[in-house]
Amino acid sequence: MPSTVIETMDYDALNQTLRIKYVSGQSYLYRDVPEKVYKELKVSRVKGRYLRFFVKDKYPFEKL
């Protein structure tokens, strides 16, 4: 399902990194994200809410 917050997201299972590009144009790389969290985010009906509650401030990140 499309998101009003997330433009694109890519997951690297080997390194457990999740790259999120927001519709605002900003991109962030989240580290140590379990594949289960990525899969749940991917199928979530409200991706922005899932991201806020289960990814942001839960995993180390850097702005790209």
N, C-alpha and C. Protein backbone atom coordinates (compact mmCIF):
# COMPACT_ATOMS: atom_id res chain seq x y z
N MET A 1 0.85 -1.18 0.00
CA MET A 1 0.00 0.00 0.00
C MET A 1 0.89 1.24 0.00
N PRO A 2 0.60 2.23 -0.81
CA PRO A 2 1.40 3.46 -0.85
C PRO A 2 1.39 4.20 0.49
N SER A 3 2.39 5.02 0.66
CA SER A 3 2.52 5.79 1.90
C SER A 3 2.53 7.28 1.57
N THR A 4 1.97 8.08 2.46
CA THR A 4 2.02 9.53 2.29
C THR A 4 3.29 10.10 2.90
N VAL A 5 4.06 9.26 3.60
CA VAL A 5 5.27 9.69 4.30
C VAL A 5 6.53 9.16 3.63
N ILE A 6 6.49 7.90 3.22
CA ILE A 6 7.66 7.21 2.67
C ILE A 6 7.59 7.18 1.15
N GLU A 7 8.64 7.70 0.51
CA GLU A 7 8.70 7.64 -0.95
C GLU A 7 9.23 6.27 -1.39
N THR A 8 10.38 5.88 -0.82
CA THR A 8 10.96 4.57 -1.12
C THR A 8 11.59 3.99 0.14
N MET A 9 11.74 2.68 0.14
CA MET A 9 12.48 2.01 1.22
C MET A 9 13.18 0.81 0.64
N ASP A 10 14.40 0.60 1.12
CA ASP A 10 15.22 -0.52 0.70
C ASP A 10 15.80 -1.18 1.93
N TYR A 11 15.84 -2.51 1.91
CA TYR A 11 16.37 -3.25 3.05
C TYR A 11 17.51 -4.14 2.59
N ASP A 12 18.59 -4.14 3.35
CA ASP A 12 19.75 -5.01 3.11
C ASP A 12 19.76 -6.03 4.24
N ALA A 13 19.32 -7.25 3.95
CA ALA A 13 19.20 -8.29 4.98
C ALA A 13 20.56 -8.69 5.54
N LEU A 14 21.59 -8.70 4.70
CA LEU A 14 22.91 -9.10 5.15
C LEU A 14 23.44 -8.16 6.22
N ASN A 15 23.26 -6.86 6.01
CA ASN A 15 23.76 -5.86 6.96
C ASN A 15 22.68 -5.34 7.91
N GLN A 16 21.46 -5.80 7.73
CA GLN A 16 20.31 -5.37 8.54
C GLN A 16 20.18 -3.85 8.56
N THR A 17 20.23 -3.27 7.36
CA THR A 17 20.06 -1.82 7.26
C THR A 17 18.81 -1.51 6.44
N LEU A 18 18.11 -0.50 6.88
CA LEU A 18 16.89 -0.05 6.24
C LEU A 18 17.08 1.39 5.81
N ARG A 19 16.97 1.63 4.50
CA ARG A 19 17.10 3.00 3.99
C ARG A 19 15.71 3.49 3.63
N ILE A 20 15.37 4.63 4.21
CA ILE A 20 14.06 5.24 3.97
C ILE A 20 14.27 6.60 3.30
N LYS A 21 13.61 6.81 2.17
CA LYS A 21 13.57 8.13 1.55
C LYS A 21 12.16 8.65 1.77
N TYR A 22 12.07 9.76 2.45
CA TYR A 22 10.77 10.36 2.76
C TYR A 22 10.30 11.22 1.60
N VAL A 23 9.00 11.47 1.53
CA VAL A 23 8.46 12.30 0.46
C VAL A 23 9.02 13.72 0.52
N SER A 24 9.53 14.11 1.69
CA SER A 24 10.15 15.43 1.84
C SER A 24 11.49 15.51 1.12
N GLY A 25 12.03 14.34 0.71
CA GLY A 25 13.32 14.30 0.03
C GLY A 25 14.46 13.86 0.94
N GLN A 26 14.24 13.87 2.25
CA GLN A 26 15.29 13.45 3.18
C GLN A 26 15.40 11.93 3.19
N SER A 27 16.62 11.44 3.39
CA SER A 27 16.86 10.00 3.46
C SER A 27 17.59 9.67 4.75
N TYR A 28 17.24 8.53 5.33
CA TYR A 28 17.86 8.05 6.55
C TYR A 28 18.21 6.58 6.40
N LEU A 29 19.29 6.18 7.05
CA LEU A 29 19.70 4.80 7.09
C LEU A 29 19.59 4.32 8.53
N TYR A 30 18.77 3.32 8.75
CA TYR A 30 18.58 2.73 10.08
C TYR A 30 19.36 1.43 10.14
N ARG A 31 20.13 1.24 11.21
CA ARG A 31 20.99 0.06 11.35
C ARG A 31 20.42 -0.93 12.35
N ASP A 32 20.84 -2.18 12.20
CA ASP A 32 20.47 -3.27 13.12
C ASP A 32 18.96 -3.52 13.14
N VAL A 33 18.31 -3.29 12.02
CA VAL A 33 16.86 -3.50 11.92
C VAL A 33 16.62 -4.96 11.52
N PRO A 34 15.93 -5.71 12.37
CA PRO A 34 15.64 -7.10 12.01
C PRO A 34 14.76 -7.19 10.76
N GLU A 35 14.97 -8.23 9.99
CA GLU A 35 14.20 -8.41 8.76
C GLU A 35 12.70 -8.47 9.05
N LYS A 36 12.34 -9.03 10.19
CA LYS A 36 10.92 -9.12 10.59
C LYS A 36 10.29 -7.72 10.66
N VAL A 37 11.02 -6.75 11.20
CA VAL A 37 10.52 -5.38 11.30
C VAL A 37 10.32 -4.79 9.91
N TYR A 38 11.28 -5.02 9.01
CA TYR A 38 11.15 -4.54 7.64
C TYR A 38 9.92 -5.14 6.96
N LYS A 39 9.74 -6.45 7.11
CA LYS A 39 8.61 -7.11 6.46
C LYS A 39 7.28 -6.60 7.00
N GLU A 40 7.23 -6.34 8.30
CA GLU A 40 6.01 -5.80 8.89
C GLU A 40 5.75 -4.38 8.39
N LEU A 41 6.80 -3.58 8.27
CA LEU A 41 6.66 -2.23 7.75
C LEU A 41 6.15 -2.28 6.31
N LYS A 42 6.71 -3.17 5.54
CA LYS A 42 6.37 -3.29 4.12
C LYS A 42 4.88 -3.60 3.90
N VAL A 43 4.28 -4.40 4.77
CA VAL A 43 2.87 -4.78 4.59
C VAL A 43 1.92 -3.93 5.44
N SER A 44 2.47 -3.04 6.24
CA SER A 44 1.64 -2.21 7.10
C SER A 44 0.71 -1.32 6.28
N ARG A 45 -0.52 -1.18 6.74
CA ARG A 45 -1.48 -0.31 6.06
C ARG A 45 -1.17 1.16 6.31
N VAL A 46 -0.54 1.45 7.46
CA VAL A 46 -0.18 2.83 7.81
C VAL A 46 1.32 2.86 8.08
N LYS A 47 2.10 2.96 7.01
CA LYS A 47 3.55 2.84 7.12
C LYS A 47 4.18 3.94 7.97
N GLY A 48 3.70 5.16 7.86
CA GLY A 48 4.25 6.25 8.67
C GLY A 48 4.09 5.99 10.15
N ARG A 49 2.94 5.49 10.55
CA ARG A 49 2.70 5.18 11.96
C ARG A 49 3.58 4.02 12.42
N TYR A 50 3.67 2.97 11.60
CA TYR A 50 4.52 1.84 11.96
C TYR A 50 5.97 2.31 12.12
N LEU A 51 6.43 3.11 11.19
CA LEU A 51 7.80 3.62 11.24
C LEU A 51 8.03 4.42 12.52
N ARG A 52 7.09 5.27 12.87
CA ARG A 52 7.22 6.11 14.07
C ARG A 52 7.28 5.27 15.34
N PHE A 53 6.45 4.24 15.44
CA PHE A 53 6.38 3.46 16.68
C PHE A 53 7.39 2.33 16.78
N PHE A 54 7.83 1.78 15.65
CA PHE A 54 8.67 0.58 15.69
C PHE A 54 10.07 0.72 15.10
N VAL A 55 10.38 1.88 14.50
CA VAL A 55 11.71 2.04 13.91
C VAL A 55 12.41 3.28 14.44
N LYS A 56 11.78 4.44 14.29
CA LYS A 56 12.41 5.69 14.75
C LYS A 56 12.71 5.61 16.24
N ASP A 57 13.87 6.08 16.61
CA ASP A 57 14.33 6.10 18.01
C ASP A 57 14.46 4.71 18.63
N LYS A 58 14.33 3.66 17.81
CA LYS A 58 14.53 2.29 18.30
C LYS A 58 15.86 1.71 17.80
N TYR A 59 16.31 2.23 16.66
CA TYR A 59 17.53 1.72 16.04
C TYR A 59 18.46 2.89 15.73
N PRO A 60 19.78 2.62 15.76
CA PRO A 60 20.73 3.69 15.39
C PRO A 60 20.47 4.13 13.95
N PHE A 61 20.65 5.40 13.68
CA PHE A 61 20.37 5.91 12.34
C PHE A 61 21.33 7.03 11.99
N GLU A 62 21.38 7.31 10.71
CA GLU A 62 22.14 8.46 10.23
C GLU A 62 21.37 9.08 9.07
N LYS A 63 21.45 10.39 8.99
CA LYS A 63 20.84 11.11 7.88
C LYS A 63 21.80 11.01 6.69
N LEU A 64 21.28 10.70 5.54
CA LEU A 64 22.12 10.55 4.34
C LEU A 64 22.11 11.83 3.53
